[in-house]
C-alpha atoms as a PDB file:
ATOM      1  CA  MET A   1      -1.977 -14.817  -0.950  1.00  0.00           C
ATOM      2  CA  LEU A   2       0.872 -13.143   1.273  1.00  0.00           C
ATOM      3  CA  ARG A   3       2.011 -14.655   4.676  1.00  0.00           C
ATOM      4  CA  LEU A   4       4.663 -13.212   6.987  1.00  0.00           C
ATOM      5  CA  ASP A   5       6.512 -15.511   9.332  1.00  0.00           C
ATOM      6  CA  GLY A   6       8.146 -14.292  12.154  1.00  0.00           C
ATOM      7  CA  LEU A   7       9.617 -11.414   9.805  1.00  0.00           C
ATOM      8  CA  SER A   8      12.370  -9.332  11.143  1.00  0.00           C
ATOM      9  CA  CYS A   9      13.575  -6.528   9.082  1.00  0.00           C
ATOM     10  CA  GLY A  10      15.732  -3.345   9.285  1.00  0.00           C
ATOM     11  CA  TYR A  11      18.731  -1.415   8.408  1.00  0.00           C
ATOM     12  CA  GLY A  12      22.337  -2.512   9.024  1.00  0.00           C
ATOM     13  CA  ALA A  13      22.388  -3.111  12.892  1.00  0.00           C
ATOM     14  CA  PHE A  14      18.953  -1.416  13.658  1.00  0.00           C
ATOM     15  CA  ARG A  15      15.873  -3.748  13.688  1.00  0.00           C
ATOM     16  CA  ALA A  16      12.785  -1.996  12.836  1.00  0.00           C
ATOM     17  CA  VAL A  17      10.555  -5.319  12.670  1.00  0.00           C
ATOM     18  CA  HIS A  18      10.564  -8.017  15.281  1.00  0.00           C
ATOM     19  CA  GLU A  19       9.230 -11.126  14.441  1.00  0.00           C
ATOM     20  CA  LEU A  20       6.164 -10.376  12.697  1.00  0.00           C
ATOM     21  CA  SER A  21       3.425 -12.650  11.269  1.00  0.00           C
ATOM     22  CA  PHE A  22       0.017 -12.080   9.603  1.00  0.00           C
ATOM     23  CA  GLU A  23      -1.717 -13.591   6.482  1.00  0.00           C
ATOM     24  CA  VAL A  24      -3.304 -11.549   3.750  1.00  0.00           C
ATOM     25  CA  PRO A  25      -6.362 -13.484   2.000  1.00  0.00           C
ATOM     26  CA  GLU A  26      -6.495 -13.103  -1.582  1.00  0.00           C
ATOM     27  CA  GLY A  27      -8.461 -10.702  -3.017  1.00  0.00           C
ATOM     28  CA  SER A  28      -8.941  -8.528   0.487  1.00  0.00           C
ATOM     29  CA  VAL A  29      -8.094  -5.280   1.991  1.00  0.00           C
ATOM     30  CA  PHE A  30      -5.254  -5.770   4.900  1.00  0.00           C
ATOM     31  CA  ALA A  31      -4.058  -2.665   6.790  1.00  0.00           C
ATOM     32  CA  LEU A  32      -1.102  -1.982   8.710  1.00  0.00           C
ATOM     33  CA  VAL A  33      -1.917   0.872  11.049  1.00  0.00           C
ATOM     34  CA  GLY A  34       0.180   2.242  13.942  1.00  0.00           C
ATOM     35  CA  ALA A  35       1.962   5.615  14.895  1.00  0.00           C
ATOM     36  CA  ASN A  36       4.857   7.050  12.832  1.00  0.00           C
ATOM     37  CA  GLY A  37       8.128   4.961  13.325  1.00  0.00           C
ATOM     38  CA  ALA A  38       5.570   1.663  14.409  1.00  0.00           C
ATOM     39  CA  GLY A  39       7.514  -0.426  11.516  1.00  0.00           C
ATOM     40  CA  LYS A  40       4.668  -0.001   8.879  1.00  0.00           C
ATOM     41  CA  SER A  41       6.617   1.244   5.897  1.00  0.00           C
ATOM     42  CA  SER A  42       9.618  -1.003   7.103  1.00  0.00           C
ATOM     43  CA  THR A  43       7.314  -3.947   6.719  1.00  0.00           C
ATOM     44  CA  ILE A  44       5.991  -3.365   3.352  1.00  0.00           C
ATOM     45  CA  MET A  45       9.466  -2.740   1.885  1.00  0.00           C
ATOM     46  CA  ALA A  46      10.631  -5.535   3.141  1.00  0.00           C
ATOM     47  CA  VAL A  47       7.837  -7.488   1.210  1.00  0.00           C
ATOM     48  CA  ALA A  48       8.990  -5.628  -1.882  1.00  0.00           C
ATOM     49  CA  GLY A  49      12.506  -6.527  -1.196  1.00  0.00           C
ATOM     50  CA  HIS A  50      13.993  -3.221  -0.628  1.00  0.00           C
ATOM     51  CA  VAL A  51      14.780  -3.771   3.201  1.00  0.00           C
ATOM     52  CA  ALA A  52      16.927  -6.390   4.425  1.00  0.00           C
ATOM     53  CA  VAL A  53      15.103  -9.282   6.104  1.00  0.00           C
ATOM     54  CA  GLN A  54      16.960 -10.393   9.378  1.00  0.00           C
ATOM     55  CA  GLY A  55      14.927 -12.847  10.347  1.00  0.00           C
ATOM     56  CA  GLY A  56      11.698 -15.073   9.028  1.00  0.00           C
ATOM     57  CA  ALA A  57      10.300 -15.313   5.943  1.00  0.00           C
ATOM     58  CA  VAL A  58       8.220 -13.880   3.262  1.00  0.00           C
ATOM     59  CA  LEU A  59       5.923 -16.284   1.487  1.00  0.00           C
ATOM     60  CA  LEU A  60       3.588 -15.272  -1.748  1.00  0.00           C
ATOM     61  CA  ASP A  61       1.234 -18.307  -2.829  1.00  0.00           C
ATOM     62  CA  GLY A  62       3.036 -20.317  -0.257  1.00  0.00           C
ATOM     63  CA  GLN A  63       6.269 -19.987  -2.065  1.00  0.00           C
ATOM     64  CA  ASP A  64       9.211 -18.460  -0.143  1.00  0.00           C
ATOM     65  CA  ILE A  65      10.413 -15.345  -1.777  1.00  0.00           C
ATOM     66  CA  THR A  66      12.746 -13.949   1.188  1.00  0.00           C
ATOM     67  CA  ASN A  67      15.640 -13.737  -1.014  1.00  0.00           C
ATOM     68  CA  LEU A  68      13.910 -12.884  -4.236  1.00  0.00           C
ATOM     69  CA  PRO A  69      15.462  -9.769  -5.796  1.00  0.00           C
ATOM     70  CA  PRO A  70      12.827  -6.790  -6.119  1.00  0.00           C
ATOM     71  CA  THR A  71      12.530  -7.222  -9.932  1.00  0.00           C
ATOM     72  CA  LYS A  72      11.594 -10.780  -9.754  1.00  0.00           C
ATOM     73  CA  ARG A  73       8.886  -9.913  -7.069  1.00  0.00           C
ATOM     74  CA  VAL A  74       7.586  -7.446  -9.465  1.00  0.00           C
ATOM     75  CA  GLY A  75       7.368 -10.270 -12.183  1.00  0.00           C
ATOM     76  CA  ALA A  76       5.679 -12.800  -9.514  1.00  0.00           C
ATOM     77  CA  GLY A  77       3.034 -10.287  -9.253  1.00  0.00           C
ATOM     78  CA  ILE A  78       3.778  -7.545  -6.207  1.00  0.00           C
ATOM     79  CA  ALA A  79       3.950  -3.789  -7.080  1.00  0.00           C
ATOM     80  CA  LEU A  80       4.162  -0.833  -4.379  1.00  0.00           C
ATOM     81  CA  ALA A  81       3.091   2.535  -4.273  1.00  0.00           C
ATOM     82  CA  PRO A  82       5.685   4.148  -2.084  1.00  0.00           C
ATOM     83  CA  GLU A  83       5.414   6.658   0.629  1.00  0.00           C
ATOM     84  CA  GLY A  84       5.851  10.088  -0.625  1.00  0.00           C
ATOM     85  CA  ARG A  85       5.045   8.894  -4.259  1.00  0.00           C
ATOM     86  CA  ARG A  86       8.438   9.149  -5.464  1.00  0.00           C
ATOM     87  CA  LEU A  87       7.456   9.962  -9.249  1.00  0.00           C
ATOM     88  CA  PHE A  88       9.882  11.057 -11.952  1.00  0.00           C
ATOM     89  CA  THR A  89       8.648  14.936 -11.466  1.00  0.00           C
ATOM     90  CA  ASP A  90      10.404  16.029 -14.750  1.00  0.00           C
ATOM     91  CA  LEU A  91       8.569  13.309 -16.793  1.00  0.00           C
ATOM     92  CA  SER A  92       5.103  13.765 -18.000  1.00  0.00           C
ATOM     93  CA  VAL A  93       2.128  11.461 -16.408  1.00  0.00           C
ATOM     94  CA  GLU A  94       1.908   9.189 -19.687  1.00  0.00           C
ATOM     95  CA  ARG A  95       5.694   8.575 -19.304  1.00  0.00           C
ATOM     96  CA  ASN A  96       5.542   8.182 -15.711  1.00  0.00           C
ATOM     97  CA  LEU A  97       2.958   5.593 -16.511  1.00  0.00           C
ATOM     98  CA  VAL A  98       4.802   3.634 -19.077  1.00  0.00           C
ATOM     99  CA  VAL A  99       7.814   3.481 -16.572  1.00  0.00           C
ATOM    100  CA  GLY A 100       5.780   1.301 -14.356  1.00  0.00           C
ATOM    101  CA  GLY A 101       4.898  -1.255 -17.056  1.00  0.00           C
ATOM    102  CA  TYR A 102       8.149  -1.337 -18.347  1.00  0.00           C
ATOM    103  CA  HIS A 103       8.559  -4.926 -18.245  1.00  0.00           C
ATOM    104  CA  LEU A 104       5.470  -5.827 -20.345  1.00  0.00           C
ATOM    105  CA  PRO A 105       4.588  -6.018 -24.071  1.00  0.00           C
ATOM    106  CA  ALA A 106       3.888  -2.614 -25.810  1.00  0.00           C
ATOM    107  CA  GLU A 107      -0.136  -3.675 -26.291  1.00  0.00           C
ATOM    108  CA  ARG A 108      -0.399  -4.561 -22.707  1.00  0.00           C
ATOM    109  CA  THR A 109       1.030  -1.170 -21.479  1.00  0.00           C
ATOM    110  CA  ALA A 110      -1.585   0.424 -23.667  1.00  0.00           C
ATOM    111  CA  GLU A 111      -4.404  -1.636 -22.243  1.00  0.00           C
ATOM    112  CA  ASN A 112      -3.387  -1.236 -18.742  1.00  0.00           C
ATOM    113  CA  LYS A 113      -2.763   2.574 -19.112  1.00  0.00           C
ATOM    114  CA  ALA A 114      -6.418   2.739 -20.556  1.00  0.00           C
ATOM    115  CA  ARG A 115      -7.568   0.653 -17.185  1.00  0.00           C
ATOM    116  CA  VAL A 116      -5.705   3.217 -15.235  1.00  0.00           C
ATOM    117  CA  LEU A 117      -7.250   6.304 -16.685  1.00  0.00           C
ATOM    118  CA  GLU A 118     -10.595   4.511 -16.527  1.00  0.00           C
ATOM    119  CA  LEU A 119      -9.849   4.488 -12.771  1.00  0.00           C
ATOM    120  CA  PHE A 120      -8.699   7.849 -12.430  1.00  0.00           C
ATOM    121  CA  PRO A 121     -10.057  10.298 -15.124  1.00  0.00           C
ATOM    122  CA  ARG A 122      -7.990  13.042 -13.762  1.00  0.00           C
ATOM    123  CA  LEU A 123      -4.829  11.949 -14.896  1.00  0.00           C
ATOM    124  CA  GLY A 124      -6.311  11.552 -18.568  1.00  0.00           C
ATOM    125  CA  GLU A 125      -7.004  15.198 -18.094  1.00  0.00           C
ATOM    126  CA  ARG A 126      -3.319  15.877 -17.006  1.00  0.00           C
ATOM    127  CA  ILE A 127      -1.728  13.228 -19.573  1.00  0.00           C
ATOM    128  CA  ASP A 128       0.703  15.824 -20.949  1.00  0.00           C
ATOM    129  CA  GLN A 129       1.433  17.267 -17.784  1.00  0.00           C
ATOM    130  CA  PRO A 130       5.156  16.890 -15.917  1.00  0.00           C
ATOM    131  CA  ALA A 131       4.282  15.166 -12.671  1.00  0.00           C
ATOM    132  CA  GLY A 132       5.986  17.446 -10.798  1.00  0.00           C
ATOM    133  CA  ALA A 133       3.065  20.086 -11.693  1.00  0.00           C
ATOM    134  CA  LEU A 134       0.201  17.767 -10.217  1.00  0.00           C
ATOM    135  CA  SER A 135      -1.412  18.457  -7.189  1.00  0.00           C
ATOM    136  CA  GLY A 136      -0.508  16.381  -4.126  1.00  0.00           C
ATOM    137  CA  GLY A 137      -3.742  14.132  -4.674  1.00  0.00           C
ATOM    138  CA  GLU A 138      -3.234  13.919  -8.326  1.00  0.00           C
ATOM    139  CA  GLN A 139       0.180  12.456  -7.713  1.00  0.00           C
ATOM    140  CA  GLN A 140      -1.165  10.121  -5.411  1.00  0.00           C
ATOM    141  CA  MET A 141      -3.492   8.675  -8.006  1.00  0.00           C
ATOM    142  CA  LEU A 142      -0.361   8.818 -10.390  1.00  0.00           C
ATOM    143  CA  ALA A 143       1.816   6.681  -7.975  1.00  0.00           C
ATOM    144  CA  ILE A 144      -1.311   4.261  -7.633  1.00  0.00           C
ATOM    145  CA  GLY A 145      -1.692   4.006 -11.384  1.00  0.00           C
ATOM    146  CA  ARG A 146       2.296   3.594 -12.188  1.00  0.00           C
ATOM    147  CA  ALA A 147       2.194   0.366  -9.604  1.00  0.00           C
ATOM    148  CA  LEU A 148      -1.204  -0.919 -11.328  1.00  0.00           C
ATOM    149  CA  MET A 149       0.713  -0.792 -14.591  1.00  0.00           C
ATOM    150  CA  ALA A 150       2.582  -3.559 -13.513  1.00  0.00           C
ATOM    151  CA  GLU A 151      -0.303  -5.781 -13.449  1.00  0.00           C
ATOM    152  CA  PRO A 152      -0.137  -6.866  -9.934  1.00  0.00           C
ATOM    153  CA  ARG A 153      -1.683  -9.134  -8.105  1.00  0.00           C
ATOM    154  CA  LEU A 154      -0.745  -7.827  -4.703  1.00  0.00           C
ATOM    155  CA  LEU A 155      -0.623  -4.135  -4.728  1.00  0.00           C
ATOM    156  CA  MET A 156       1.013  -2.427  -1.650  1.00  0.00           C
ATOM    157  CA  ILE A 157       0.104   1.419  -0.853  1.00  0.00           C
ATOM    158  CA  ASP A 158       2.154   3.158   1.640  1.00  0.00           C
ATOM    159  CA  GLU A 159       0.415   5.973   3.287  1.00  0.00           C
ATOM    160  CA  VAL A 160      -2.360   6.940   1.149  1.00  0.00           C
ATOM    161  CA  SER A 161      -3.828  10.029   2.791  1.00  0.00           C
ATOM    162  CA  LEU A 162      -0.673  11.280   4.157  1.00  0.00           C
ATOM    163  CA  GLY A 163      -0.811  15.226   3.420  1.00  0.00           C
ATOM    164  CA  LEU A 164      -3.726  14.925   0.941  1.00  0.00           C
ATOM    165  CA  MET A 165      -7.202  17.025   1.067  1.00  0.00           C
ATOM    166  CA  PRO A 166     -10.229  14.949   2.188  1.00  0.00           C
ATOM    167  CA  LYS A 167     -11.678  15.174  -1.313  1.00  0.00           C
ATOM    168  CA  ALA A 168      -8.409  13.379  -3.044  1.00  0.00           C
ATOM    169  CA  VAL A 169      -8.558  10.879   0.353  1.00  0.00           C
ATOM    170  CA  ASP A 170     -12.113  10.132  -0.593  1.00  0.00           C
ATOM    171  CA  LEU A 171     -11.003   9.423  -4.359  1.00  0.00           C
ATOM    172  CA  CYS A 172      -8.460   7.230  -3.545  1.00  0.00           C
ATOM    173  CA  TYR A 173     -10.102   5.013  -1.159  1.00  0.00           C
ATOM    174  CA  ALA A 174     -12.974   4.781  -3.804  1.00  0.00           C
ATOM    175  CA  ALA A 175     -10.418   3.435  -6.440  1.00  0.00           C
ATOM    176  CA  ILE A 176      -9.089   0.983  -3.357  1.00  0.00           C
ATOM    177  CA  ASP A 177     -12.748  -0.395  -3.320  1.00  0.00           C
ATOM    178  CA  ARG A 178     -12.988  -0.915  -6.897  1.00  0.00           C
ATOM    179  CA  LEU A 179      -9.264  -2.637  -7.142  1.00  0.00           C
ATOM    180  CA  ARG A 180     -10.643  -5.088  -4.432  1.00  0.00           C
ATOM    181  CA  ASP A 181     -13.839  -5.740  -6.394  1.00  0.00           C
ATOM    182  CA  ARG A 182     -11.823  -6.627  -9.363  1.00  0.00           C
ATOM    183  CA  GLY A 183      -9.858  -9.363  -7.377  1.00  0.00           C
ATOM    184  CA  ILE A 184      -6.755  -7.346  -6.496  1.00  0.00           C
ATOM    185  CA  THR A 185      -5.172  -7.932  -2.805  1.00  0.00           C
ATOM    186  CA  ILE A 186      -4.427  -4.739  -1.304  1.00  0.00           C
ATOM    187  CA  LEU A 187      -1.673  -4.343   1.467  1.00  0.00           C
ATOM    188  CA  LEU A 188      -2.303  -0.699   3.155  1.00  0.00           C
ATOM    189  CA  VAL A 189      -0.167   1.493   5.158  1.00  0.00           C
ATOM    190  CA  GLU A 190      -1.994   4.055   6.957  1.00  0.00           C
ATOM    191  CA  GLN A 191      -1.834   6.315   9.555  1.00  0.00           C
ATOM    192  CA  ASN A 192      -5.532   7.605   9.307  1.00  0.00           C
ATOM    193  CA  THR A 193      -6.794   4.612  11.338  1.00  0.00           C
ATOM    194  CA  THR A 194     -10.705   5.926  10.945  1.00  0.00           C
ATOM    195  CA  ARG A 195      -9.906   5.376   7.121  1.00  0.00           C
ATOM    196  CA  ALA A 196      -8.209   2.178   7.252  1.00  0.00           C
ATOM    197  CA  LEU A 197     -10.402   0.409   9.305  1.00  0.00           C
ATOM    198  CA  GLU A 198     -13.260   1.584   6.976  1.00  0.00           C
ATOM    199  CA  ALA A 199     -11.693   0.592   3.803  1.00  0.00           C
ATOM    200  CA  ALA A 200      -9.958  -2.998   5.064  1.00  0.00           C
ATOM    201  CA  ASP A 201     -11.232  -6.411   5.937  1.00  0.00           C
ATOM    202  CA  ARG A 202      -8.332  -7.270   8.606  1.00  0.00           C
ATOM    203  CA  VAL A 203      -5.787  -5.013  10.331  1.00  0.00           C
ATOM    204  CA  CYS A 204      -2.829  -5.421  12.440  1.00  0.00           C
ATOM    205  CA  VAL A 205      -1.428  -2.750  14.522  1.00  0.00           C
ATOM    206  CA  LEU A 206       1.876  -2.186  15.099  1.00  0.00           C
ATOM    207  CA  GLU A 207       3.856  -0.304  17.993  1.00  0.00           C
ATOM    208  CA  SER A 208       7.846   0.048  18.130  1.00  0.00           C
ATOM    209  CA  GLY A 209       7.921  -2.710  15.213  1.00  0.00           C
ATOM    210  CA  ARG A 210       5.680  -5.531  17.008  1.00  0.00           C
ATOM    211  CA  ALA A 211       2.115  -6.581  16.377  1.00  0.00           C
ATOM    212  CA  VAL A 212      -0.031  -5.650  19.473  1.00  0.00           C
ATOM    213  CA  TRP A 213      -3.301  -6.502  17.774  1.00  0.00           C
ATOM    214  CA  GLN A 214      -4.615  -8.401  14.867  1.00  0.00           C
ATOM    215  CA  GLY A 215      -8.173  -9.378  13.756  1.00  0.00           C
ATOM    216  CA  ASP A 216     -11.214  -8.002  11.512  1.00  0.00           C
ATOM    217  CA  ALA A 217     -11.829  -4.493  10.868  1.00  0.00           C
ATOM    218  CA  ALA A 218     -15.158  -4.924  11.656  1.00  0.00           C
ATOM    219  CA  GLU A 219     -14.360  -5.966  15.132  1.00  0.00           C
ATOM    220  CA  ALA A 220     -12.331  -2.874  15.614  1.00  0.00           C
ATOM    221  CA  ARG A 221     -15.166  -0.568  14.215  1.00  0.00           C
ATOM    222  CA  ARG A 222     -17.636  -2.172  16.753  1.00  0.00           C
ATOM    223  CA  ASP A 223     -15.397  -2.256  19.949  1.00  0.00           C
ATOM    224  CA  PRO A 224     -14.945   1.139  20.998  1.00  0.00           C
ATOM    225  CA  ALA A 225     -12.423   0.035  24.247  1.00  0.00           C
ATOM    226  CA  LEU A 226     -10.439  -1.785  21.527  1.00  0.00           C
ATOM    227  CA  VAL A 227      -9.939   1.063  19.235  1.00  0.00           C
ATOM    228  CA  GLU A 228      -9.299   3.131  22.467  1.00  0.00           C
ATOM    229  CA  ALA A 229      -6.607   0.871  23.662  1.00  0.00           C
ATOM    230  CA  TYR A 230      -4.826  -0.129  20.695  1.00  0.00           C
ATOM    231  CA  LEU A 231      -5.514   2.548  18.168  1.00  0.00           C
ATOM    232  CA  GLY A 232      -5.583   5.819  20.078  1.00  0.00           C
ATOM    233  CA  LEU A 233      -9.031   6.896  18.704  1.00  0.00           C
ATOM    234  CA  SER A 234     -12.569   6.570  20.757  1.00  0.00           C
ATOM    235  CA  GLU A 235     -16.174   7.117  19.703  1.00  0.00           C
ATOM    236  CA  GLY A 236     -16.747  10.578  18.770  1.00  0.00           C
ATOM    237  CA  LYS A 237     -13.025  11.368  18.508  1.00  0.00           C
ATOM    238  CA  GLN A 238     -11.706  10.150  15.126  1.00  0.00           C
ATOM    239  CA  GLU A 239      -8.153  11.109  13.558  1.00  0.00           C
ATOM    240  CA  THR A 240      -8.413  13.487  10.819  1.00  0.00           C
ATOM    241  CA  THR A 241      -6.072  14.284   8.009  1.00  0.00           C
ATOM    242  CA  PRO A 242      -5.334  17.754   6.678  1.00  0.00           C
END
């Protein structure tokens, strides 16, 4: 569904990502992993149209969308749950969800909201509360739910587990599994490498804006030497998120 062909992107004269190429098959979970500052967020922000492409191309279903405005990419089926959630904290949970489907007819907004609340029942319990009053885990659920309101075919989630309690991380990853079962393609950015490898079908390891390894997540899980060399983990010594 998604292909990056020698993508370079960055900010002004600074290049954050260098000639990155990978393919995300339809209906799969693809994880971008690496240390802080490796270029993971810059990559998906470039796919969303929010970071300047300095070379290469972004293709969706074989069509070049490199120069397509962000709003047109939403219409093409791309949605983003950004790092830090970026919710409208003074608005209610319901209004945040409605904003996510602003470009759709009202009846579809209602249907999509029902699907989100079925996926995240806790949001239904908080539906009239301001987003700023939610816990970190609830805010992450709301960020994912708001992105789902756009009816994406490709859902990008930036730093799923960052700053969350383990139970909230479990709920978010359970939702990712269900979304994949529904046929939604997911591009995942994650510092918690252990969780990313458990959830993903394929993985790309970034270091200083360059891909240093790509392959099946199952291969990375089976090969402790590979995991140690590229991901900074070893058998029995796994990353944890507070």
